[in-house]
Amino acid sequence: MPVDAAPPQGMRRYKVNLPPSASFDMDVARVDADGTKWTGAAAMTWHTDGSNYTASVEAGISLLVTRVNLLVMRSTGTIDDFGIAPATGTQKRARRAETATHFNRDAGTITFSASERSYPLMVGAQDMTTVPFQLGGIGRADVNQFSSDIDMQVGEDKEANIFRFQLVGEEELETKMGKVVTWHLSRPPRPGSYSSRLDVWLAPGLNWYPIQLRNTEASGALTTQTVSKITMTESGK
């Protein structure tokens, strides 16, 4: 889609100022639907030189003598006038094959390795790895954009849906880095589209980085990832 074309109906164009490159150590806490509790660790990376980017998340839980990866996600692509512009996103969940989501900018479609479906590629589309950093970029550019719901198309696994994030409010989190003031955004479940709730806590005082992520499944199972350490990395500029 040409940059000067009107965004598709129902999609706002946001001002985006993406945060600088960094890597994140995270603590993982999971509570299964039956109340069983697990702990683990995750590593998240965000690297951009202003033109291209890579992002990844690896999250696992610790068993007695080993570690089990719950999720490995990677994303690569470019930076455009709408922020992060993924080219390919991959997901590998425990006991499942890896799936890939392709953002075909020339054809204007989103396609999937695990499905024959194709969706029109909308302006500002993201994958699951990049969503928190795109949200942070929207906050960095103009926090007043959070005064109304944030809509973004997200391609994952076998489909693309519109995620609608709502500002819950300002919250202070206790982390291993100390107390961090955050802005809490939430995407409630949407019947017929996705059954889980996704919560993202962004830290304005720390480049609007995502400090905490939480996924609440339809079953009630809860997985929370909280940053314990941030390491600024070379942005390649």
Protein backbone atom coordinates (compact mmCIF):
# COMPACT_ATOMS: atom_id res chain seq x y z
CA MET A 1 0.00 0.00 0.00
CA PRO A 2 1.43 3.41 -0.87
CA VAL A 3 2.35 5.46 2.18
CA ASP A 4 0.06 8.30 1.08
CA ALA A 5 -2.98 6.03 0.63
CA ALA A 6 -5.88 6.40 3.04
CA PRO A 7 -5.76 3.80 5.83
CA PRO A 8 -8.42 1.08 5.47
CA GLN A 9 -11.77 1.84 7.03
CA GLY A 10 -11.77 1.36 10.78
CA MET A 11 -7.98 1.51 11.16
CA ARG A 12 -6.47 4.61 12.71
CA ARG A 13 -3.02 5.71 11.72
CA TYR A 14 -0.84 6.25 14.80
CA LYS A 15 2.25 8.31 15.32
CA VAL A 16 5.02 5.90 16.34
CA ASN A 17 8.45 6.56 17.92
CA LEU A 18 9.96 3.15 18.52
CA PRO A 19 12.08 2.49 21.62
CA PRO A 20 15.84 1.88 21.33
CA SER A 21 17.31 -1.62 21.13
CA ALA A 22 17.43 -3.65 24.34
CA SER A 23 17.37 -7.17 25.72
CA PHE A 24 15.18 -8.18 28.64
CA ASP A 25 15.48 -10.89 31.29
CA MET A 26 12.04 -11.87 32.57
CA ASP A 27 10.56 -13.97 35.35
CA VAL A 28 7.71 -16.26 34.32
CA ALA A 29 4.88 -17.23 36.68
CA ARG A 30 2.16 -19.57 35.44
CA VAL A 31 -0.97 -20.78 37.19
CA ASP A 32 -2.79 -23.63 35.42
CA ALA A 33 -6.58 -23.79 35.34
CA ASP A 34 -6.47 -26.36 38.16
CA GLY A 35 -4.36 -24.04 40.33
CA THR A 36 -0.99 -25.74 39.74
CA LYS A 37 1.78 -23.15 39.88
CA TRP A 38 4.95 -23.06 37.80
CA THR A 39 7.88 -20.67 37.64
CA GLY A 40 10.42 -20.08 34.93
CA ALA A 41 12.30 -17.51 32.93
CA ALA A 42 12.02 -15.73 29.61
CA ALA A 43 14.31 -13.70 27.39
CA MET A 44 12.97 -10.97 25.12
CA THR A 45 14.96 -8.96 22.57
CA TRP A 46 14.26 -5.88 20.48
CA HIS A 47 16.87 -4.67 18.02
CA THR A 48 16.51 -1.95 15.40
CA ASP A 49 18.85 0.24 13.38
CA GLY A 50 15.98 2.56 12.42
CA SER A 51 15.38 0.80 9.09
CA ASN A 52 15.17 -2.88 10.00
CA TYR A 53 14.39 -4.79 13.18
CA THR A 54 14.50 -8.21 14.80
CA ALA A 55 12.52 -9.22 17.89
CA SER A 56 12.21 -12.45 19.83
CA VAL A 57 10.72 -14.02 22.94
CA GLU A 58 11.72 -17.34 24.51
CA ALA A 59 9.69 -18.34 27.57
CA GLY A 60 9.97 -21.54 29.58
CA ILE A 61 9.10 -23.14 32.90
CA SER A 62 11.52 -24.90 35.21
CA LEU A 63 10.96 -28.52 36.20
CA LEU A 64 13.03 -30.43 38.73
CA VAL A 65 16.15 -30.88 36.62
CA THR A 66 15.23 -29.36 33.29
CA ARG A 67 13.49 -26.51 31.55
CA VAL A 68 10.58 -26.76 29.12
CA ASN A 69 10.09 -24.07 26.51
CA LEU A 70 6.48 -22.91 26.53
CA LEU A 71 6.88 -20.55 23.63
CA VAL A 72 9.50 -19.32 21.17
CA MET A 73 8.56 -16.40 18.91
CA ARG A 74 10.67 -14.50 16.42
CA SER A 75 9.95 -11.60 14.09
CA THR A 76 11.91 -9.81 11.39
CA GLY A 77 11.03 -6.92 9.13
CA THR A 78 11.45 -3.22 8.52
CA ILE A 79 10.45 0.13 10.02
CA ASP A 80 8.05 2.29 7.99
CA ASP A 81 5.85 5.36 8.49
CA PHE A 82 3.39 3.25 10.50
CA GLY A 83 6.01 1.84 12.90
CA ILE A 84 7.02 -1.81 12.92
CA ALA A 85 6.39 -3.55 9.59
CA PRO A 86 6.85 -7.32 10.04
CA ALA A 87 7.92 -9.46 7.10
CA THR A 88 7.89 -12.85 8.85
CA GLY A 89 6.81 -13.94 12.32
CA THR A 90 7.25 -17.47 13.70
CA GLN A 91 5.76 -19.22 16.73
CA LYS A 92 6.77 -22.51 18.33
CA ARG A 93 4.64 -23.70 21.23
CA ALA A 94 5.33 -26.70 23.46
CA ARG A 95 4.42 -29.97 21.72
CA ARG A 96 3.42 -28.19 18.52
CA ALA A 97 5.14 -27.61 15.20
CA GLU A 98 6.52 -24.15 14.41
CA THR A 99 4.20 -21.95 12.39
CA ALA A 100 5.07 -18.91 10.27
CA THR A 101 3.07 -15.81 9.41
CA HIS A 102 4.02 -13.94 6.23
CA PHE A 103 3.29 -10.26 5.67
CA ASN A 104 3.37 -9.95 1.88
CA ARG A 105 3.64 -6.20 1.38
CA ASP A 106 3.85 -6.33 -2.41
CA ALA A 107 0.71 -8.46 -2.63
CA GLY A 108 -1.02 -6.70 0.29
CA THR A 109 -1.83 -9.97 2.08
CA ILE A 110 -1.10 -11.91 5.27
CA THR A 111 -0.61 -15.65 4.72
CA PHE A 112 0.31 -18.60 6.95
CA SER A 113 2.38 -21.77 6.79
CA ALA A 114 -0.28 -23.66 8.77
CA SER A 115 -3.33 -22.50 6.83
CA GLU A 116 -4.52 -21.74 3.30
CA ARG A 117 -6.22 -18.57 4.53
CA SER A 118 -5.25 -15.13 3.30
CA TYR A 119 -6.18 -11.80 4.86
CA PRO A 120 -5.88 -8.26 3.48
CA LEU A 121 -2.79 -6.59 4.99
CA MET A 122 -3.93 -3.49 6.89
CA VAL A 123 -1.90 -0.46 7.80
CA GLY A 124 0.14 -0.91 11.00
CA ALA A 125 -0.30 -4.71 11.06
CA GLN A 126 1.79 -6.58 13.64
CA ASP A 127 2.62 -10.09 14.82
CA MET A 128 2.52 -11.36 18.40
CA THR A 129 6.21 -10.64 19.01
CA THR A 130 6.05 -7.00 17.96
CA VAL A 131 2.73 -5.94 19.56
CA PRO A 132 4.28 -4.73 22.88
CA PHE A 133 6.99 -2.70 21.12
CA GLN A 134 4.54 -1.12 18.68
CA LEU A 135 2.36 -0.12 21.65
CA GLY A 136 5.43 1.35 23.35
CA GLY A 137 6.23 3.29 20.18
CA ILE A 138 2.71 4.71 20.12
CA GLY A 139 3.12 5.88 23.74
CA ARG A 140 6.56 7.37 23.06
CA ALA A 141 5.27 9.32 20.08
CA ASP A 142 2.21 10.80 21.81
CA VAL A 143 0.76 9.45 25.03
CA ASN A 144 -2.56 11.15 24.24
CA GLN A 145 -3.14 8.48 21.59
CA PHE A 146 -4.06 6.17 24.50
CA SER A 147 -7.05 8.40 25.34
CA SER A 148 -9.07 6.21 22.96
CA ASP A 149 -8.85 2.52 22.12
CA ILE A 150 -5.85 1.34 20.12
CA ASP A 151 -6.76 -0.96 17.23
CA MET A 152 -4.18 -3.00 15.35
CA GLN A 153 -4.34 -5.96 13.02
CA VAL A 154 -2.32 -8.89 14.37
CA GLY A 155 -1.37 -11.95 12.32
CA GLU A 156 -0.62 -15.12 14.27
CA ASP A 157 -0.61 -18.87 13.72
CA LYS A 158 -3.50 -19.30 11.26
CA GLU A 159 -5.43 -16.03 11.23
CA ALA A 160 -5.33 -12.24 11.48
CA ASN A 161 -7.59 -10.37 13.89
CA ILE A 162 -8.08 -6.79 15.00
CA PHE A 163 -6.77 -6.42 18.56
CA ARG A 164 -8.43 -3.59 20.50
CA PHE A 165 -6.36 -2.35 23.44
CA GLN A 166 -7.92 -0.22 26.16
CA LEU A 167 -6.08 1.87 28.73
CA VAL A 168 -6.75 0.45 32.20
CA GLY A 169 -4.76 3.12 34.02
CA GLU A 170 -1.46 3.95 35.68
CA GLU A 171 -0.08 1.26 37.99
CA GLU A 172 3.08 0.85 40.04
CA LEU A 173 4.65 -2.59 39.67
CA GLU A 174 7.04 -4.28 42.09
CA THR A 175 9.92 -5.75 40.08
CA LYS A 176 13.46 -6.95 40.72
CA MET A 177 14.53 -3.56 39.33
CA GLY A 178 12.49 -1.85 42.06
CA LYS A 179 9.15 -0.09 41.78
CA VAL A 180 8.26 0.90 38.22
CA VAL A 181 5.43 3.23 37.21
CA THR A 182 3.59 1.76 34.24
CA TRP A 183 0.65 2.32 31.96
CA HIS A 184 -1.55 -0.78 31.87
CA LEU A 185 -3.23 -1.66 28.56
CA SER A 186 -5.61 -4.58 28.12
CA ARG A 187 -7.10 -6.48 25.19
CA PRO A 188 -10.21 -8.27 26.49
CA PRO A 189 -11.42 -11.49 24.84
CA ARG A 190 -13.59 -11.02 21.78
CA PRO A 191 -16.21 -13.73 21.18
CA GLY A 192 -15.71 -15.40 17.82
CA SER A 193 -12.18 -14.04 17.37
CA TYR A 194 -9.96 -14.88 20.33
CA SER A 195 -10.75 -16.27 23.75
CA SER A 196 -7.80 -15.01 25.79
CA ARG A 197 -7.12 -11.70 27.51
CA LEU A 198 -3.80 -9.97 26.89
CA ASP A 199 -2.43 -7.35 29.30
CA VAL A 200 0.64 -5.19 28.65
CA TRP A 201 2.32 -2.85 31.15
CA LEU A 202 4.52 -0.15 29.56
CA ALA A 203 7.03 1.98 31.51
CA PRO A 204 7.12 5.64 30.36
CA GLY A 205 10.24 6.27 32.45
CA LEU A 206 12.05 3.38 30.75
CA ASN A 207 11.61 4.21 27.06
CA TRP A 208 8.04 2.86 27.16
CA TYR A 209 9.46 -0.66 27.23
CA PRO A 210 7.03 -3.50 28.04
CA ILE A 211 7.74 -4.33 31.69
CA GLN A 212 5.06 -6.95 32.22
CA LEU A 213 2.98 -9.16 29.91
CA ARG A 214 0.09 -11.38 30.99
CA ASN A 215 -2.00 -13.87 29.04
CA THR A 216 -5.23 -15.10 30.60
CA GLU A 217 -6.59 -18.11 28.73
CA ALA A 218 -10.27 -18.96 28.40
CA SER A 219 -9.71 -21.84 30.85
CA GLY A 220 -8.51 -19.36 33.48
CA ALA A 221 -4.85 -20.38 33.17
CA LEU A 222 -2.61 -17.37 33.69
CA THR A 223 0.93 -16.71 32.44
CA THR A 224 2.73 -13.56 33.63
CA GLN A 225 6.15 -12.40 32.41
CA THR A 226 7.79 -9.62 34.42
CA VAL A 227 11.06 -7.92 33.45
CA SER A 228 13.88 -8.43 35.97
CA LYS A 229 16.71 -6.80 34.00
CA ILE A 230 17.01 -4.53 30.96
CA THR A 231 20.25 -4.35 28.97
CA MET A 232 20.52 -1.56 26.42
CA THR A 233 22.13 -2.83 23.21
CA GLU A 234 23.74 -1.17 20.21
CA SER A 235 21.12 0.09 17.81
CA GLY A 236 23.49 0.02 14.87
CA LYS A 237 22.90 3.67 14.02
